[in-house]
C-alpha cells in the first residue's frame, strides 16, 4: 500500500529531478527494464515503433531531448495515490500531461 505522504514526496522529487535536468536523477525513478512510448521517439530517434526499452536506450533519447530543450520545466498540478500506483499530473511545454508509476 502506498501512503499519500510517499506519493506526494515521489511526485515532488520527480518534477524537481526533471527541472534540474540531471539525467541520472531523472532515471533513478525508473527500473532498469522500463519501457516508454511516444510519437516523438519515431520522429526524433527514427524508431518506427515509437517504443524504447531499458535505461540505456531511454538515457540516450532523453539526453538528446534535454540538450534541445535547455529551458524545459514542469509544474506539479496534482498527485493521485492508489493502492499500488502514483499518478502525477503536471504542466510542461506542451500543456497538461500525466505519468503513472506502478
PDB file of N, CA and C in Angstrom:
ATOM      1  N   UNK A   1       0.848  -1.179   0.000  1.00  0.00           N
ATOM      2  CA  UNK A   1       0.000   0.000   0.000  1.00  0.00           C
ATOM      3  C   UNK A   1       0.893   1.242   0.000  1.00  0.00           C
ATOM      4  N   UNK A   2       0.623   2.146  -0.893  1.00  0.00           N
ATOM      5  CA  UNK A   2       1.392   3.389  -0.992  1.00  0.00           C
ATOM      6  C   UNK A   2       0.703   4.454  -0.155  1.00  0.00           C
ATOM      7  N   UNK A   3       1.469   5.121   0.686  1.00  0.00           N
ATOM      8  CA  UNK A   3       0.891   6.180   1.510  1.00  0.00           C
ATOM      9  C   UNK A   3       0.814   7.483   0.712  1.00  0.00           C
ATOM     10  N   UNK A   4      -0.119   8.328   1.094  1.00  0.00           N
ATOM     11  CA  UNK A   4      -0.246   9.650   0.461  1.00  0.00           C
ATOM     12  C   UNK A   4       1.063  10.427   0.613  1.00  0.00           C
ATOM     13  N   UNK A   5       1.672  10.351   1.793  1.00  0.00           N
ATOM     14  CA  UNK A   5       2.923  11.067   2.047  1.00  0.00           C
ATOM     15  C   UNK A   5       4.016  10.613   1.068  1.00  0.00           C
ATOM     16  N   UNK A   6       4.157   9.295   0.891  1.00  0.00           N
ATOM     17  CA  UNK A   6       5.163   8.789  -0.049  1.00  0.00           C
ATOM     18  C   UNK A   6       4.856   9.264  -1.461  1.00  0.00           C
ATOM     19  N   UNK A   7       3.598   9.120  -1.901  1.00  0.00           N
ATOM     20  CA  UNK A   7       3.215   9.500  -3.255  1.00  0.00           C
ATOM     21  C   UNK A   7       3.471  10.962  -3.558  1.00  0.00           C
ATOM     22  N   UNK A   8       3.111  11.823  -2.631  1.00  0.00           N
ATOM     23  CA  UNK A   8       3.328  13.254  -2.843  1.00  0.00           C
ATOM     24  C   UNK A   8       4.819  13.596  -2.854  1.00  0.00           C
ATOM     25  N   UNK A   9       5.591  12.942  -1.984  1.00  0.00           N
ATOM     26  CA  UNK A   9       7.039  13.159  -1.984  1.00  0.00           C
ATOM     27  C   UNK A   9       7.679  12.674  -3.276  1.00  0.00           C
ATOM     28  N   UNK A  10       7.227  11.511  -3.752  1.00  0.00           N
ATOM     29  CA  UNK A  10       7.733  10.956  -5.010  1.00  0.00           C
ATOM     30  C   UNK A  10       7.443  11.909  -6.164  1.00  0.00           C
ATOM     31  N   UNK A  11       6.213  12.404  -6.238  1.00  0.00           N
ATOM     32  CA  UNK A  11       5.825  13.318  -7.317  1.00  0.00           C
ATOM     33  C   UNK A  11       6.652  14.599  -7.280  1.00  0.00           C
ATOM     34  N   UNK A  12       6.832  15.144  -6.104  1.00  0.00           N
ATOM     35  CA  UNK A  12       7.624  16.370  -5.972  1.00  0.00           C
ATOM     36  C   UNK A  12       9.068  16.128  -6.417  1.00  0.00           C
ATOM     37  N   UNK A  13       9.661  15.019  -5.986  1.00  0.00           N
ATOM     38  CA  UNK A  13      11.024  14.687  -6.380  1.00  0.00           C
ATOM     39  C   UNK A  13      11.123  14.450  -7.881  1.00  0.00           C
ATOM     40  N   UNK A  14      10.129  13.790  -8.476  1.00  0.00           N
ATOM     41  CA  UNK A  14      10.145  13.522  -9.916  1.00  0.00           C
ATOM     42  C   UNK A  14      10.167  14.836 -10.707  1.00  0.00           C
ATOM     43  N   UNK A  15       9.304  15.778 -10.331  1.00  0.00           N
ATOM     44  CA  UNK A  15       9.263  17.076 -11.011  1.00  0.00           C
ATOM     45  C   UNK A  15      10.575  17.829 -10.792  1.00  0.00           C
ATOM     46  N   UNK A  16      11.077  17.828  -9.575  1.00  0.00           N
ATOM     47  CA  UNK A  16      12.348  18.518  -9.290  1.00  0.00           C
ATOM     48  C   UNK A  16      13.503  17.903 -10.073  1.00  0.00           C
ATOM     49  N   UNK A  17      13.493  16.575 -10.226  1.00  0.00           N
ATOM     50  CA  UNK A  17      14.549  15.913 -10.996  1.00  0.00           C
ATOM     51  C   UNK A  17      14.522  16.390 -12.447  1.00  0.00           C
ATOM     52  N   UNK A  18      13.345  16.419 -13.052  1.00  0.00           N
ATOM     53  CA  UNK A  18      13.246  16.915 -14.424  1.00  0.00           C
ATOM     54  C   UNK A  18      13.675  18.376 -14.519  1.00  0.00           C
ATOM     55  N   UNK A  19      13.257  19.185 -13.559  1.00  0.00           N
ATOM     56  CA  UNK A  19      13.615  20.608 -13.606  1.00  0.00           C
ATOM     57  C   UNK A  19      15.103  20.843 -13.384  1.00  0.00           C
ATOM     58  N   UNK A  20      15.779  19.892 -12.749  1.00  0.00           N
ATOM     59  CA  UNK A  20      17.230  20.004 -12.545  1.00  0.00           C
ATOM     60  C   UNK A  20      18.007  19.628 -13.802  1.00  0.00           C
ATOM     61  N   UNK A  21      17.365  18.912 -14.717  1.00  0.00           N
ATOM     62  CA  UNK A  21      17.982  18.399 -15.944  1.00  0.00           C
ATOM     63  C   UNK A  21      19.109  17.419 -15.648  1.00  0.00           C
ATOM     64  N   UNK A  22      19.127  16.852 -14.452  1.00  0.00           N
ATOM     65  CA  UNK A  22      20.121  15.852 -14.050  1.00  0.00           C
ATOM     66  C   UNK A  22      19.598  14.493 -14.511  1.00  0.00           C
ATOM     67  N   UNK A  23      20.148  13.984 -15.602  1.00  0.00           N
ATOM     68  CA  UNK A  23      19.627  12.785 -16.230  1.00  0.00           C
ATOM     69  C   UNK A  23      19.665  11.566 -15.309  1.00  0.00           C
ATOM     70  N   UNK A  24      20.716  11.413 -14.545  1.00  0.00           N
ATOM     71  CA  UNK A  24      20.786  10.264 -13.627  1.00  0.00           C
ATOM     72  C   UNK A  24      19.746  10.381 -12.522  1.00  0.00           C
ATOM     73  N   UNK A  25      19.500  11.581 -12.060  1.00  0.00           N
ATOM     74  CA  UNK A  25      18.449  11.797 -11.055  1.00  0.00           C
ATOM     75  C   UNK A  25      17.078  11.469 -11.639  1.00  0.00           C
ATOM     76  N   UNK A  26      16.830  11.873 -12.871  1.00  0.00           N
ATOM     77  CA  UNK A  26      15.573  11.566 -13.543  1.00  0.00           C
ATOM     78  C   UNK A  26      15.406  10.055 -13.670  1.00  0.00           C
ATOM     79  N   UNK A  27      16.436   9.390 -14.164  1.00  0.00           N
ATOM     80  CA  UNK A  27      16.367   7.944 -14.399  1.00  0.00           C
ATOM     81  C   UNK A  27      16.258   7.139 -13.114  1.00  0.00           C
ATOM     82  N   UNK A  28      16.622   7.721 -11.986  1.00  0.00           N
ATOM     83  CA  UNK A  28      16.547   6.989 -10.713  1.00  0.00           C
ATOM     84  C   UNK A  28      15.104   6.625 -10.344  1.00  0.00           C
ATOM     85  N   UNK A  29      14.140   7.234 -10.995  1.00  0.00           N
ATOM     86  CA  UNK A  29      12.726   6.961 -10.720  1.00  0.00           C
ATOM     87  C   UNK A  29      12.187   5.777 -11.521  1.00  0.00           C
ATOM     88  N   UNK A  30      13.024   5.163 -12.328  1.00  0.00           N
ATOM     89  CA  UNK A  30      12.585   4.109 -13.237  1.00  0.00           C
ATOM     90  C   UNK A  30      13.401   2.835 -13.031  1.00  0.00           C
ATOM     91  N   UNK A  31      12.793   1.678 -13.336  1.00  0.00           N
ATOM     92  CA  UNK A  31      13.509   0.403 -13.259  1.00  0.00           C
ATOM     93  C   UNK A  31      14.434   0.263 -14.478  1.00  0.00           C
ATOM     94  N   UNK A  32      15.382  -0.650 -14.385  1.00  0.00           N
ATOM     95  CA  UNK A  32      16.344  -0.857 -15.474  1.00  0.00           C
ATOM     96  C   UNK A  32      15.675  -1.256 -16.783  1.00  0.00           C
ATOM     97  N   UNK A  33      14.557  -1.968 -16.707  1.00  0.00           N
ATOM     98  CA  UNK A  33      13.945  -2.514 -17.914  1.00  0.00           C
ATOM     99  C   UNK A  33      12.628  -1.826 -18.295  1.00  0.00           C
ATOM    100  N   UNK A  34      12.412  -0.606 -17.815  1.00  0.00           N
ATOM    101  CA  UNK A  34      11.133   0.049 -18.128  1.00  0.00           C
ATOM    102  C   UNK A  34      11.024   0.353 -19.620  1.00  0.00           C
ATOM    103  N   UNK A  35       9.795   0.466 -20.072  1.00  0.00           N
ATOM    104  CA  UNK A  35       9.504   0.760 -21.474  1.00  0.00           C
ATOM    105  C   UNK A  35       8.741   2.068 -21.549  1.00  0.00           C
ATOM    106  N   UNK A  36       9.095   2.881 -22.517  1.00  0.00           N
ATOM    107  CA  UNK A  36       8.336   4.110 -22.746  1.00  0.00           C
ATOM    108  C   UNK A  36       7.957   4.178 -24.215  1.00  0.00           C
ATOM    109  N   UNK A  37       6.866   4.869 -24.480  1.00  0.00           N
ATOM    110  CA  UNK A  37       6.436   5.068 -25.860  1.00  0.00           C
ATOM    111  C   UNK A  37       6.055   6.526 -26.063  1.00  0.00           C
ATOM    112  N   UNK A  38       6.290   6.981 -27.264  1.00  0.00           N
ATOM    113  CA  UNK A  38       5.960   8.355 -27.612  1.00  0.00           C
ATOM    114  C   UNK A  38       6.041   8.503 -29.125  1.00  0.00           C
ATOM    115  N   UNK A  39       5.152   9.293 -29.708  1.00  0.00           N
ATOM    116  CA  UNK A  39       5.283   9.544 -31.145  1.00  0.00           C
ATOM    117  C   UNK A  39       6.574  10.303 -31.457  1.00  0.00           C
ATOM    118  N   UNK A  40       7.122  10.996 -30.470  1.00  0.00           N
ATOM    119  CA  UNK A  40       8.361  11.742 -30.688  1.00  0.00           C
ATOM    120  C   UNK A  40       9.566  10.818 -30.819  1.00  0.00           C
ATOM    121  N   UNK A  41       9.481   9.613 -30.269  1.00  0.00           N
ATOM    122  CA  UNK A  41      10.567   8.638 -30.432  1.00  0.00           C
ATOM    123  C   UNK A  41      10.708   8.298 -31.913  1.00  0.00           C
ATOM    124  N   UNK A  42       9.603   8.102 -32.583  1.00  0.00           N
ATOM    125  CA  UNK A  42       9.646   7.816 -34.016  1.00  0.00           C
ATOM    126  C   UNK A  42      10.196   9.012 -34.786  1.00  0.00           C
ATOM    127  N   UNK A  43       9.750  10.207 -34.434  1.00  0.00           N
ATOM    128  CA  UNK A  43      10.172  11.412 -35.148  1.00  0.00           C
ATOM    129  C   UNK A  43      11.621  11.773 -34.880  1.00  0.00           C
ATOM    130  N   UNK A  44      12.015  11.754 -33.599  1.00  0.00           N
ATOM    131  CA  UNK A  44      13.345  12.234 -33.205  1.00  0.00           C
ATOM    132  C   UNK A  44      14.413  11.155 -33.330  1.00  0.00           C
ATOM    133  N   UNK A  45      14.103   9.948 -32.841  1.00  0.00           N
ATOM    134  CA  UNK A  45      15.109   8.883 -32.810  1.00  0.00           C
ATOM    135  C   UNK A  45      15.022   7.973 -34.033  1.00  0.00           C
ATOM    136  N   UNK A  46      13.974   8.112 -34.843  1.00  0.00           N
ATOM    137  CA  UNK A  46      13.846   7.297 -36.034  1.00  0.00           C
ATOM    138  C   UNK A  46      13.481   5.845 -35.755  1.00  0.00           C
ATOM    139  N   UNK A  47      12.900   5.584 -34.585  1.00  0.00           N
ATOM    140  CA  UNK A  47      12.481   4.228 -34.226  1.00  0.00           C
ATOM    141  C   UNK A  47      10.995   4.128 -34.524  1.00  0.00           C
ATOM    142  N   UNK A  48      10.661   3.425 -35.589  1.00  0.00           N
ATOM    143  CA  UNK A  48       9.296   3.408 -36.108  1.00  0.00           C
ATOM    144  C   UNK A  48       8.241   2.975 -35.101  1.00  0.00           C
ATOM    145  N   UNK A  49       8.582   2.045 -34.219  1.00  0.00           N
ATOM    146  CA  UNK A  49       7.597   1.548 -33.254  1.00  0.00           C
ATOM    147  C   UNK A  49       7.185   2.615 -32.247  1.00  0.00           C
ATOM    148  N   UNK A  50       8.070   3.588 -32.023  1.00  0.00           N
ATOM    149  CA  UNK A  50       7.802   4.617 -31.024  1.00  0.00           C
ATOM    150  C   UNK A  50       8.058   4.144 -29.603  1.00  0.00           C
ATOM    151  N   UNK A  51       8.706   2.975 -29.450  1.00  0.00           N
ATOM    152  CA  UNK A  51       8.982   2.393 -28.125  1.00  0.00           C
ATOM    153  C   UNK A  51      10.478   2.322 -27.867  1.00  0.00           C
ATOM    154  N   UNK A  52      10.846   2.570 -26.617  1.00  0.00           N
ATOM    155  CA  UNK A  52      12.208   2.346 -26.135  1.00  0.00           C
ATOM    156  C   UNK A  52      12.120   1.483 -24.889  1.00  0.00           C
ATOM    157  N   UNK A  53      13.060   0.545 -24.743  1.00  0.00           N
ATOM    158  CA  UNK A  53      13.085  -0.329 -23.577  1.00  0.00           C
ATOM    159  C   UNK A  53      14.455  -0.265 -22.920  1.00  0.00           C
ATOM    160  N   UNK A  54      14.451  -0.037 -21.613  1.00  0.00           N
ATOM    161  CA  UNK A  54      15.677  -0.032 -20.823  1.00  0.00           C
ATOM    162  C   UNK A  54      16.272   1.355 -20.647  1.00  0.00           C
ATOM    163  N   UNK A  55      16.945   1.513 -19.522  1.00  0.00           N
ATOM    164  CA  UNK A  55      17.522   2.823 -19.193  1.00  0.00           C
ATOM    165  C   UNK A  55      18.545   3.287 -20.216  1.00  0.00           C
ATOM    166  N   UNK A  56      19.331   2.370 -20.769  1.00  0.00           N
ATOM    167  CA  UNK A  56      20.367   2.783 -21.724  1.00  0.00           C
ATOM    168  C   UNK A  56      19.735   3.451 -22.949  1.00  0.00           C
ATOM    169  N   UNK A  57      18.711   2.849 -23.501  1.00  0.00           N
ATOM    170  CA  UNK A  57      18.053   3.418 -24.679  1.00  0.00           C
ATOM    171  C   UNK A  57      17.358   4.736 -24.339  1.00  0.00           C
ATOM    172  N   UNK A  58      16.673   4.762 -23.204  1.00  0.00           N
ATOM    173  CA  UNK A  58      15.952   5.973 -22.809  1.00  0.00           C
ATOM    174  C   UNK A  58      16.936   7.081 -22.440  1.00  0.00           C
ATOM    175  N   UNK A  59      18.050   6.724 -21.797  1.00  0.00           N
ATOM    176  CA  UNK A  59      19.076   7.710 -21.420  1.00  0.00           C
ATOM    177  C   UNK A  59      19.537   8.493 -22.647  1.00  0.00           C
ATOM    178  N   UNK A  60      19.859   7.801 -23.723  1.00  0.00           N
ATOM    179  CA  UNK A  60      20.342   8.463 -24.940  1.00  0.00           C
ATOM    180  C   UNK A  60      19.273   9.386 -25.520  1.00  0.00           C
ATOM    181  N   UNK A  61      18.035   8.908 -25.541  1.00  0.00           N
ATOM    182  CA  UNK A  61      16.927   9.701 -26.076  1.00  0.00           C
ATOM    183  C   UNK A  61      16.682  10.947 -25.233  1.00  0.00           C
ATOM    184  N   UNK A  62      16.596  10.767 -23.900  1.00  0.00           N
ATOM    185  CA  UNK A  62      16.343  11.911 -23.028  1.00  0.00           C
ATOM    186  C   UNK A  62      17.521  12.876 -22.991  1.00  0.00           C
ATOM    187  N   UNK A  63      18.741  12.371 -23.106  1.00  0.00           N
ATOM    188  CA  UNK A  63      19.911  13.265 -23.129  1.00  0.00           C
ATOM    189  C   UNK A  63      19.815  14.203 -24.328  1.00  0.00           C
ATOM    190  N   UNK A  64      19.470  13.654 -25.478  1.00  0.00           N
ATOM    191  CA  UNK A  64      19.320  14.480 -26.684  1.00  0.00           C
ATOM    192  C   UNK A  64      18.172  15.472 -26.517  1.00  0.00           C
ATOM    193  N   UNK A  65      17.058  15.017 -25.939  1.00  0.00           N
ATOM    194  CA  UNK A  65      15.908  15.898 -25.745  1.00  0.00           C
ATOM    195  C   UNK A  65      16.230  17.046 -24.791  1.00  0.00           C
ATOM    196  N   UNK A  66      16.910  16.734 -23.688  1.00  0.00           N
ATOM    197  CA  UNK A  66      17.259  17.783 -22.720  1.00  0.00           C
ATOM    198  C   UNK A  66      18.236  18.790 -23.321  1.00  0.00           C
ATOM    199  N   UNK A  67      19.105  18.318 -24.199  1.00  0.00           N
ATOM    200  CA  UNK A  67      20.044  19.228 -24.855  1.00  0.00           C
ATOM    201  C   UNK A  67      19.307  20.190 -25.788  1.00  0.00           C
ATOM    202  N   UNK A  68      18.266  19.685 -26.438  1.00  0.00           N
ATOM    203  CA  UNK A  68      17.486  20.516 -27.369  1.00  0.00           C
ATOM    204  C   UNK A  68      16.534  21.462 -26.648  1.00  0.00           C
ATOM    205  N   UNK A  69      16.226  21.157 -25.373  1.00  0.00           N
ATOM    206  CA  UNK A  69      15.259  21.958 -24.625  1.00  0.00           C
ATOM    207  C   UNK A  69      15.872  22.407 -23.286  1.00  0.00           C
ATOM    208  N   UNK A  70      16.848  23.291 -23.319  1.00  0.00           N
ATOM    209  CA  UNK A  70      17.544  23.669 -22.082  1.00  0.00           C
ATOM    210  C   UNK A  70      16.679  24.414 -21.070  1.00  0.00           C
ATOM    211  N   UNK A  71      15.532  24.907 -21.483  1.00  0.00           N
ATOM    212  CA  UNK A  71      14.655  25.626 -20.550  1.00  0.00           C
ATOM    213  C   UNK A  71      13.452  24.777 -20.124  1.00  0.00           C
ATOM    214  N   UNK A  72      13.484  23.473 -20.412  1.00  0.00           N
ATOM    215  CA  UNK A  72      12.385  22.585 -20.046  1.00  0.00           C
ATOM    216  C   UNK A  72      12.093  22.678 -18.555  1.00  0.00           C
ATOM    217  N   UNK A  73      10.821  22.870 -18.222  1.00  0.00           N
ATOM    218  CA  UNK A  73      10.388  22.925 -16.827  1.00  0.00           C
ATOM    219  C   UNK A  73       9.013  22.300 -16.732  1.00  0.00           C
ATOM    220  N   UNK A  74       8.797  21.589 -15.629  1.00  0.00           N
ATOM    221  CA  UNK A  74       7.491  21.009 -15.333  1.00  0.00           C
ATOM    222  C   UNK A  74       6.951  21.660 -14.076  1.00  0.00           C
ATOM    223  N   UNK A  75       5.631  21.747 -14.014  1.00  0.00           N
ATOM    224  CA  UNK A  75       4.950  22.262 -12.821  1.00  0.00           C
ATOM    225  C   UNK A  75       3.995  21.172 -12.329  1.00  0.00           C
ATOM    226  N   UNK A  76       4.152  20.786 -11.082  1.00  0.00           N
ATOM    227  CA  UNK A  76       3.281  19.777 -10.498  1.00  0.00           C
ATOM    228  C   UNK A  76       1.882  20.355 -10.333  1.00  0.00           C
ATOM    229  N   UNK A  77       0.881  19.659 -10.868  1.00  0.00           N
ATOM    230  CA  UNK A  77      -0.508  20.100 -10.782  1.00  0.00           C
ATOM    231  C   UNK A  77      -1.236  19.318  -9.692  1.00  0.00           C
ATOM    232  N   UNK A  78      -1.113  17.983  -9.732  1.00  0.00           N
ATOM    233  CA  UNK A  78      -1.827  17.154  -8.772  1.00  0.00           C
ATOM    234  C   UNK A  78      -1.170  15.785  -8.700  1.00  0.00           C
ATOM    235  N   UNK A  79      -1.262  15.162  -7.531  1.00  0.00           N
ATOM    236  CA  UNK A  79      -0.765  13.802  -7.332  1.00  0.00           C
ATOM    237  C   UNK A  79      -1.916  12.932  -6.869  1.00  0.00           C
ATOM    238  N   UNK A  80      -2.113  11.822  -7.565  1.00  0.00           N
ATOM    239  CA  UNK A  80      -3.131  10.851  -7.182  1.00  0.00           C
ATOM    240  C   UNK A  80      -2.422   9.595  -6.697  1.00  0.00           C
ATOM    241  N   UNK A  81      -2.821   9.108  -5.533  1.00  0.00           N
ATOM    242  CA  UNK A  81      -2.191   7.936  -4.940  1.00  0.00           C
ATOM    243  C   UNK A  81      -3.206   6.812  -4.876  1.00  0.00           C
ATOM    244  N   UNK A  82      -2.874   5.695  -5.503  1.00  0.00           N
ATOM    245  CA  UNK A  82      -3.709   4.498  -5.445  1.00  0.00           C
ATOM    246  C   UNK A  82      -3.081   3.494  -4.495  1.00  0.00           C
ATOM    247  N   UNK A  83      -3.661   2.332  -4.405  1.00  0.00           N
ATOM    248  CA  UNK A  83      -3.132   1.296  -3.522  1.00  0.00           C
ATOM    249  C   UNK A  83      -1.727   0.895  -3.930  1.00  0.00           C
ATOM    250  N   UNK A  84      -1.469   0.834  -5.246  1.00  0.00           N
ATOM    251  CA  UNK A  84      -0.155   0.405  -5.715  1.00  0.00           C
ATOM    252  C   UNK A  84       0.368   1.264  -6.867  1.00  0.00           C
ATOM    253  N   UNK A  85      -0.071   2.506  -6.935  1.00  0.00           N
ATOM    254  CA  UNK A  85       0.380   3.384  -8.009  1.00  0.00           C
ATOM    255  C   UNK A  85       0.368   4.845  -7.578  1.00  0.00           C
ATOM    256  N   UNK A  86       1.138   5.634  -8.309  1.00  0.00           N
ATOM    257  CA  UNK A  86       1.162   7.089  -8.142  1.00  0.00           C
ATOM    258  C   UNK A  86       0.988   7.681  -9.532  1.00  0.00           C
ATOM    259  N   UNK A  87       0.030   8.580  -9.678  1.00  0.00           N
ATOM    260  CA  UNK A  87      -0.170   9.277 -10.940  1.00  0.00           C
ATOM    261  C   UNK A  87       0.148  10.747 -10.717  1.00  0.00           C
ATOM    262  N   UNK A  88       1.034  11.263 -11.551  1.00  0.00           N
ATOM    263  CA  UNK A  88       1.480  12.652 -11.441  1.00  0.00           C
ATOM    264  C   UNK A  88       0.887  13.443 -12.602  1.00  0.00           C
ATOM    265  N   UNK A  89       0.069  14.430 -12.284  1.00  0.00           N
ATOM    266  CA  UNK A  89      -0.434  15.365 -13.288  1.00  0.00           C
ATOM    267  C   UNK A  89       0.469  16.587 -13.232  1.00  0.00           C
ATOM    268  N   UNK A  90       0.985  16.985 -14.401  1.00  0.00           N
ATOM    269  CA  UNK A  90       1.923  18.104 -14.441  1.00  0.00           C
ATOM    270  C   UNK A  90       1.699  18.920 -15.704  1.00  0.00           C
ATOM    271  N   UNK A  91       2.250  20.109 -15.695  1.00  0.00           N
ATOM    272  CA  UNK A  91       2.168  21.012 -16.844  1.00  0.00           C
ATOM    273  C   UNK A  91       3.580  21.173 -17.385  1.00  0.00           C
ATOM    274  N   UNK A  92       3.709  20.981 -18.692  1.00  0.00           N
ATOM    275  CA  UNK A  92       5.004  21.138 -19.352  1.00  0.00           C
ATOM    276  C   UNK A  92       4.884  22.073 -20.536  1.00  0.00           C
ATOM    277  N   UNK A  93       5.872  22.030 -21.403  1.00  0.00           N
ATOM    278  CA  UNK A  93       5.901  22.939 -22.553  1.00  0.00           C
ATOM    279  C   UNK A  93       4.768  22.675 -23.545  1.00  0.00           C
ATOM    280  N   UNK A  94       4.237  21.464 -23.553  1.00  0.00           N
ATOM    281  CA  UNK A  94       3.138  21.126 -24.456  1.00  0.00           C
ATOM    282  C   UNK A  94       1.789  21.105 -23.756  1.00  0.00           C
ATOM    283  N   UNK A  95       1.712  21.662 -22.555  1.00  0.00           N
ATOM    284  CA  UNK A  95       0.450  21.695 -21.823  1.00  0.00           C
ATOM    285  C   UNK A  95       0.396  20.643 -20.738  1.00  0.00           C
ATOM    286  N   UNK A  96      -0.817  20.268 -20.356  1.00  0.00           N
ATOM    287  CA  UNK A  96      -1.015  19.307 -19.277  1.00  0.00           C
ATOM    288  C   UNK A  96      -0.694  17.890 -19.740  1.00  0.00           C
ATOM    289  N   UNK A  97      -0.141  17.104 -18.808  1.00  0.00           N
ATOM    290  CA  UNK A  97       0.225  15.724 -19.091  1.00  0.00           C
ATOM    291  C   UNK A  97       0.167  14.940 -17.782  1.00  0.00           C
ATOM    292  N   UNK A  98       0.310  13.634 -17.890  1.00  0.00           N
ATOM    293  CA  UNK A  98       0.381  12.819 -16.684  1.00  0.00           C
ATOM    294  C   UNK A  98       1.337  11.664 -16.887  1.00  0.00           C
ATOM    295  N   UNK A  99       1.834  11.147 -15.780  1.00  0.00           N
ATOM    296  CA  UNK A  99       2.723   9.988 -15.775  1.00  0.00           C
ATOM    297  C   UNK A  99       2.279   9.102 -14.633  1.00  0.00           C
ATOM    298  N   UNK A 100       2.064   7.812 -14.924  1.00  0.00           N
ATOM    299  CA  UNK A 100       1.657   6.876 -13.886  1.00  0.00           C
ATOM    300  C   UNK A 100       2.799   5.933 -13.578  1.00  0.00           C
ATOM    301  N   UNK A 101       3.037   5.717 -12.291  1.00  0.00           N
ATOM    302  CA  UNK A 101       4.056   4.793 -11.811  1.00  0.00           C
ATOM    303  C   UNK A 101       3.359   3.663 -11.080  1.00  0.00           C
ATOM    304  N   UNK A 102       3.648   2.442 -11.466  1.00  0.00           N
ATOM    305  CA  UNK A 102       3.057   1.264 -10.834  1.00  0.00           C
ATOM    306  C   UNK A 102       4.086   0.556  -9.990  1.00  0.00           C
TER     307      UNK A 102
END
